[in-house]
Amino acid sequence: MQLNFRPLNKSWHANADHTRLKQVIINLLTNAIKYNRQHGAIIVECSQVSDERIRINIKDTGNGLSPEKLSQLFQPFNRLGQEDGAEEGAGIGLVVTKQLVELMGGAIGVTSTVGVGSEFWIELNQDVTPTLVAKESLSTDLIPQVSGEEGICSLLYVEDNPANLMLVQQIIDDQPNVRMLSARDGHQGILLAQTERPNVILMDINLPGISGIEALAILKNDPKTAHIPVLAISANAMPRDIEKGLEVGFLRYLTKPIKISEFIEALDFALENSKLSGGK
């Protein structure tokens, strides 16, 4: 796979949230890689479409999308023919991406030709005079406080989406007393939980192989891991999905896109639960 970044004018600056924009770019690049052809190419370029707007284009050489699929691309829970597959599909990730872009006052679009490839673009407001903004810090009240050796606790995140893994890792990097382990599927997650005994597990529901719900059942039936609190996270955000997740034994059910304050509060609650249940 060949990834090309075209030269850009370094005087251009977009008015955007750093973390959200990073997730948007990672989501679009992940799709461009996932749905590209073997030995394909990806071109990333930035342009100024007006005095007020900056556009970022990500073009791939994949199979492309038909007009019918293009019209369904940003619909929630539409998996574009991948309903029976293990992967979440482009639709869910793009719904999240669209929400993030619009939260930043931007817009997103796509053009595609079957047999040639697709070109996704996002437009953001231009920041004429860039200013240095201090990195957003989380309230000290929300930072998990744990006891034990060196005050360090561990979070195991079971997730197959690289964009979500990177986002949570970035959040955890701001927590000096938490370290993160990761697994890309349910089987690997179970093995890591059995060997590493993390304080808390964050489990995606839609995993390749076995689902997060199936993995939870195995963990709860194993004396070595039954005490570990498990948080669910999923793009399945309907009330019945959340209710079902809590019924099967998840301590909390978080929905994507990840809300930082909600995630930290749930992690703090799970760590307290871990101490009460005898976790180290």
Protein backbone atom coordinates (compact mmCIF):
# COMPACT_ATOMS: atom_id res chain seq x y z
CA MET A 1 0.00 0.00 0.00
CA GLN A 2 1.40 3.38 -1.03
CA LEU A 3 0.48 6.41 1.10
CA ASN A 4 1.19 9.81 -0.44
CA PHE A 5 0.95 13.13 1.39
CA ARG A 6 0.88 16.01 -1.07
CA PRO A 7 2.76 19.23 -0.20
CA LEU A 8 0.69 21.86 1.56
CA ASN A 9 0.86 25.50 2.52
CA LYS A 10 2.08 25.51 6.12
CA SER A 11 0.47 28.88 6.75
CA TRP A 12 -2.98 27.24 6.62
CA HIS A 13 -4.53 26.42 9.97
CA ALA A 14 -7.92 24.89 10.73
CA ASN A 15 -10.06 25.79 13.72
CA ALA A 16 -10.67 22.31 15.14
CA ASP A 17 -10.36 20.15 18.23
CA HIS A 18 -7.05 18.28 18.02
CA THR A 19 -8.30 14.96 19.42
CA ARG A 20 -11.52 14.90 17.40
CA LEU A 21 -9.78 15.88 14.16
CA LYS A 22 -7.16 13.19 14.77
CA GLN A 23 -9.91 10.57 15.16
CA VAL A 24 -11.62 11.80 11.98
CA ILE A 25 -8.41 11.49 9.93
CA ILE A 26 -7.61 8.07 11.41
CA ASN A 27 -11.14 6.83 10.66
CA LEU A 28 -10.94 7.97 7.04
CA LEU A 29 -7.44 6.56 6.55
CA THR A 30 -8.47 3.26 8.18
CA ASN A 31 -11.35 2.91 5.71
CA ALA A 32 -9.11 3.89 2.78
CA ILE A 33 -6.70 1.11 3.74
CA LYS A 34 -9.35 -1.48 4.63
CA TYR A 35 -11.34 -1.09 1.41
CA ASN A 36 -8.44 -0.50 -0.97
CA ARG A 37 -7.20 -3.01 -3.48
CA GLN A 38 -3.95 -4.96 -3.10
CA HIS A 39 -0.93 -2.76 -3.86
CA GLY A 40 -3.28 0.21 -4.02
CA ALA A 41 -2.58 3.83 -3.21
CA ILE A 42 -3.91 6.56 -0.94
CA ILE A 43 -3.44 10.28 -1.60
CA VAL A 44 -3.89 12.85 1.16
CA GLU A 45 -3.94 16.52 0.26
CA CYS A 46 -5.06 19.81 1.75
CA SER A 47 -6.42 22.83 -0.12
CA GLN A 48 -7.97 26.20 0.58
CA VAL A 49 -11.46 26.29 -0.93
CA SER A 50 -12.20 29.86 0.22
CA ASP A 51 -10.86 32.51 2.57
CA GLU A 52 -12.80 30.84 5.38
CA ARG A 53 -12.52 27.10 4.65
CA ILE A 54 -9.81 24.45 4.51
CA ARG A 55 -10.44 21.11 2.78
CA ILE A 56 -8.68 17.79 3.46
CA ASN A 57 -9.06 15.10 0.77
CA ILE A 58 -8.32 11.40 1.21
CA LYS A 59 -8.45 9.50 -2.07
CA ASP A 60 -8.12 5.72 -2.47
CA THR A 61 -7.91 3.27 -5.36
CA GLY A 62 -10.43 0.77 -3.99
CA ASN A 63 -13.46 -0.76 -5.68
CA GLY A 64 -15.53 2.38 -5.31
CA LEU A 65 -19.18 2.69 -4.34
CA SER A 66 -22.34 2.65 -6.44
CA PRO A 67 -24.70 5.67 -6.33
CA GLU A 68 -27.11 3.59 -4.23
CA LYS A 69 -24.48 2.83 -1.58
CA LEU A 70 -23.26 6.43 -1.64
CA SER A 71 -26.74 7.62 -0.73
CA GLN A 72 -26.74 5.28 2.30
CA LEU A 73 -23.18 5.94 3.41
CA PHE A 74 -23.82 8.16 6.43
CA GLN A 75 -26.93 6.36 7.71
CA PRO A 76 -26.66 4.94 11.25
CA PHE A 77 -26.47 1.12 11.48
CA ASN A 78 -26.23 0.74 7.69
CA ARG A 79 -23.33 -1.65 7.06
CA LEU A 80 -23.40 -1.43 3.26
CA GLY A 81 -23.92 -5.14 2.68
CA GLN A 82 -21.61 -6.30 5.53
CA GLU A 83 -24.40 -7.27 7.93
CA ASP A 84 -23.06 -10.80 8.24
CA GLY A 85 -19.41 -9.81 8.56
CA ALA A 86 -17.33 -9.57 11.73
CA GLU A 87 -16.11 -6.03 10.99
CA GLU A 88 -18.21 -3.02 11.94
CA GLY A 89 -18.23 -1.84 8.34
CA ALA A 90 -17.68 1.62 6.88
CA GLY A 91 -21.14 2.92 7.76
CA ILE A 92 -20.79 3.00 11.55
CA GLY A 93 -17.34 4.63 11.51
CA LEU A 94 -18.51 7.23 9.00
CA VAL A 95 -21.56 8.16 11.07
CA VAL A 96 -19.21 8.85 13.99
CA THR A 97 -16.85 10.75 11.69
CA LYS A 98 -19.68 12.90 10.34
CA GLN A 99 -20.82 13.73 13.87
CA LEU A 100 -17.31 14.75 14.92
CA VAL A 101 -16.78 16.94 11.85
CA GLU A 102 -20.11 18.70 12.31
CA LEU A 103 -19.40 19.27 16.01
CA MET A 104 -16.36 21.25 14.87
CA GLY A 105 -18.48 23.36 12.49
CA GLY A 106 -17.28 21.45 9.45
CA ALA A 107 -18.74 19.38 6.64
CA ILE A 108 -17.94 16.00 5.07
CA GLY A 109 -18.60 14.57 1.63
CA VAL A 110 -17.54 11.87 -0.81
CA THR A 111 -17.32 11.14 -4.51
CA SER A 112 -16.83 7.63 -5.81
CA THR A 113 -16.57 5.70 -9.06
CA VAL A 114 -17.08 1.94 -9.18
CA GLY A 115 -13.83 0.25 -10.23
CA VAL A 116 -11.77 3.42 -9.71
CA GLY A 117 -12.00 4.38 -6.04
CA SER A 118 -13.43 6.89 -3.58
CA GLU A 119 -12.45 10.35 -2.44
CA PHE A 120 -13.60 11.57 0.97
CA TRP A 121 -13.23 15.20 1.97
CA ILE A 122 -13.79 17.25 5.08
CA GLU A 123 -14.03 21.03 5.24
CA LEU A 124 -13.19 23.02 8.36
CA ASN A 125 -13.20 26.69 9.25
CA GLN A 126 -9.85 28.33 8.68
CA ASP A 127 -8.06 29.88 11.62
CA VAL A 128 -6.25 32.88 10.14
CA THR A 129 -4.22 33.62 13.26
CA PRO A 130 -3.23 30.37 14.94
CA THR A 131 -2.89 30.50 18.68
CA LEU A 132 -1.29 28.08 21.04
CA VAL A 133 -3.90 26.43 23.23
CA ALA A 134 -2.85 24.55 26.32
CA LYS A 135 -3.61 20.85 26.13
CA GLU A 136 -7.04 20.20 27.61
CA SER A 137 -6.61 18.70 31.01
CA LEU A 138 -9.12 16.54 32.81
CA SER A 139 -10.49 17.58 36.18
CA THR A 140 -8.46 16.06 38.98
CA ASP A 141 -11.77 14.92 40.47
CA LEU A 142 -12.21 12.65 37.45
CA ILE A 143 -8.73 11.10 37.47
CA PRO A 144 -9.01 7.61 38.98
CA GLN A 145 -7.26 7.36 42.35
CA VAL A 146 -6.17 3.86 43.23
CA SER A 147 -4.22 2.36 46.08
CA GLY A 148 -1.61 -0.36 45.92
CA GLU A 149 1.96 -0.67 44.80
CA GLU A 150 3.11 2.60 43.19
CA GLY A 151 -0.55 3.55 42.76
CA ILE A 152 -0.62 2.05 39.25
CA CYS A 153 -3.65 0.22 37.88
CA SER A 154 -4.28 -1.39 34.51
CA LEU A 155 -7.02 -1.18 31.89
CA LEU A 156 -7.43 -3.85 29.23
CA TYR A 157 -9.18 -2.50 26.13
CA VAL A 158 -10.52 -5.17 23.76
CA GLU A 159 -11.16 -3.43 20.43
CA ASP A 160 -10.49 -4.17 16.75
CA ASN A 161 -10.83 -0.58 15.50
CA PRO A 162 -7.39 1.14 15.40
CA ALA A 163 -8.94 4.62 15.60
CA ASN A 164 -10.76 3.83 18.84
CA LEU A 165 -7.67 2.15 20.31
CA MET A 166 -5.57 5.23 19.58
CA LEU A 167 -8.17 7.60 21.01
CA VAL A 168 -8.48 5.70 24.31
CA GLN A 169 -4.70 5.35 24.51
CA GLN A 170 -4.43 9.13 24.18
CA ILE A 171 -6.93 9.60 27.00
CA ILE A 172 -5.10 7.10 29.21
CA ASP A 173 -1.79 8.82 28.51
CA ASP A 174 -3.18 11.75 30.52
CA GLN A 175 -3.77 9.48 33.51
CA PRO A 176 -0.42 9.06 35.32
CA ASN A 177 -1.66 6.15 37.45
CA VAL A 178 -3.29 4.07 34.68
CA ARG A 179 -1.61 1.92 32.04
CA MET A 180 -3.44 0.39 29.09
CA LEU A 181 -3.19 -3.06 27.56
CA SER A 182 -4.99 -3.88 24.33
CA ALA A 183 -6.31 -6.89 22.46
CA ARG A 184 -7.76 -6.99 18.94
CA ASP A 185 -10.34 -9.76 19.44
CA GLY A 186 -12.27 -11.55 22.15
CA HIS A 187 -10.02 -14.61 22.34
CA GLN A 188 -6.88 -12.51 22.76
CA GLY A 189 -8.69 -10.36 25.30
CA ILE A 190 -9.65 -13.38 27.40
CA LEU A 191 -6.07 -14.68 27.33
CA LEU A 192 -4.65 -11.30 28.39
CA ALA A 193 -7.23 -10.99 31.15
CA GLN A 194 -6.29 -14.43 32.49
CA THR A 195 -2.54 -13.76 32.42
CA GLU A 196 -2.35 -10.04 33.27
CA ARG A 197 -5.34 -9.75 35.65
CA PRO A 198 -6.15 -6.11 34.80
CA ASN A 199 -8.09 -3.96 37.25
CA VAL A 200 -10.72 -3.07 34.64
CA ILE A 201 -11.68 -4.31 31.16
CA LEU A 202 -13.20 -2.12 28.45
CA MET A 203 -14.91 -4.46 25.98
CA ASP A 204 -16.19 -3.64 22.50
CA ILE A 205 -19.40 -5.50 21.69
CA ASN A 206 -18.85 -6.11 17.95
CA LEU A 207 -15.61 -8.09 17.83
CA PRO A 208 -14.28 -10.54 15.23
CA GLY A 209 -14.52 -14.17 16.26
CA ILE A 210 -16.58 -14.03 19.43
CA SER A 211 -18.63 -11.03 20.50
CA GLY A 212 -17.95 -8.94 23.56
CA ILE A 213 -21.01 -10.47 25.23
CA GLU A 214 -19.67 -14.00 24.63
CA ALA A 215 -16.24 -12.96 25.92
CA LEU A 216 -17.85 -11.49 29.05
CA ALA A 217 -19.62 -14.79 29.78
CA ILE A 218 -16.31 -16.68 29.58
CA LEU A 219 -14.59 -14.17 31.88
CA LYS A 220 -17.40 -14.34 34.45
CA ASN A 221 -17.25 -18.17 34.49
CA ASP A 222 -13.51 -18.20 35.16
CA PRO A 223 -12.56 -17.82 38.87
CA LYS A 224 -9.37 -16.00 37.84
CA THR A 225 -11.26 -13.22 36.05
CA ALA A 226 -14.80 -13.30 37.46
CA HIS A 227 -14.07 -10.42 39.86
CA ILE A 228 -12.81 -8.01 37.16
CA PRO A 229 -15.35 -5.27 36.35
CA VAL A 230 -16.06 -5.04 32.61
CA LEU A 231 -17.28 -1.91 30.85
CA ALA A 232 -19.04 -2.29 27.50
CA ILE A 233 -18.48 0.09 24.60
CA SER A 234 -20.34 -0.02 21.31
CA ALA A 235 -21.76 1.93 18.42
CA ASN A 236 -25.02 0.08 19.13
CA ALA A 237 -26.68 2.87 21.09
CA MET A 238 -30.36 1.95 21.07
CA PRO A 239 -32.00 1.75 24.53
CA ARG A 240 -32.56 -1.99 24.14
CA ASP A 241 -28.86 -2.53 23.32
CA ILE A 242 -27.85 -0.71 26.51
CA GLU A 243 -30.43 -2.58 28.59
CA LYS A 244 -29.26 -5.94 27.23
CA GLY A 245 -25.62 -5.09 27.95
CA LEU A 246 -26.37 -4.28 31.58
CA GLU A 247 -28.54 -7.39 31.93
CA VAL A 248 -25.73 -9.74 30.84
CA GLY A 249 -23.33 -8.32 33.41
CA PHE A 250 -21.46 -5.29 32.09
CA LEU A 251 -20.84 -2.77 34.86
CA ARG A 252 -21.53 0.18 32.56
CA TYR A 253 -22.46 0.52 28.88
CA LEU A 254 -20.69 3.32 26.99
CA THR A 255 -21.58 4.38 23.46
CA LYS A 256 -19.45 5.61 20.57
CA PRO A 257 -18.22 8.20 19.84
CA ILE A 258 -16.42 8.16 23.16
CA LYS A 259 -17.25 11.04 25.50
CA ILE A 260 -14.12 11.69 27.54
CA SER A 261 -15.79 12.82 30.76
CA GLU A 262 -18.26 9.92 30.67
CA PHE A 263 -15.45 7.43 30.01
CA ILE A 264 -13.29 8.72 32.88
CA GLU A 265 -16.25 8.70 35.28
CA ALA A 266 -17.05 5.08 34.32
CA LEU A 267 -13.39 4.08 34.66
CA ASP A 268 -13.22 5.71 38.10
CA PHE A 269 -16.37 3.83 39.15
CA ALA A 270 -15.00 0.53 37.82
CA LEU A 271 -11.69 0.98 39.65
CA GLU A 272 -13.52 1.57 42.92
CA ASN A 273 -15.59 -1.54 42.19
CA SER A 274 -12.39 -3.47 41.48
CA LYS A 275 -10.95 -2.56 44.89
CA LEU A 276 -14.15 -3.55 46.66
CA SER A 277 -14.25 -6.93 44.85
CA GLY A 278 -10.64 -7.74 45.75
CA GLY A 279 -8.86 -6.66 42.55
CA LYS A 280 -5.21 -5.72 42.91
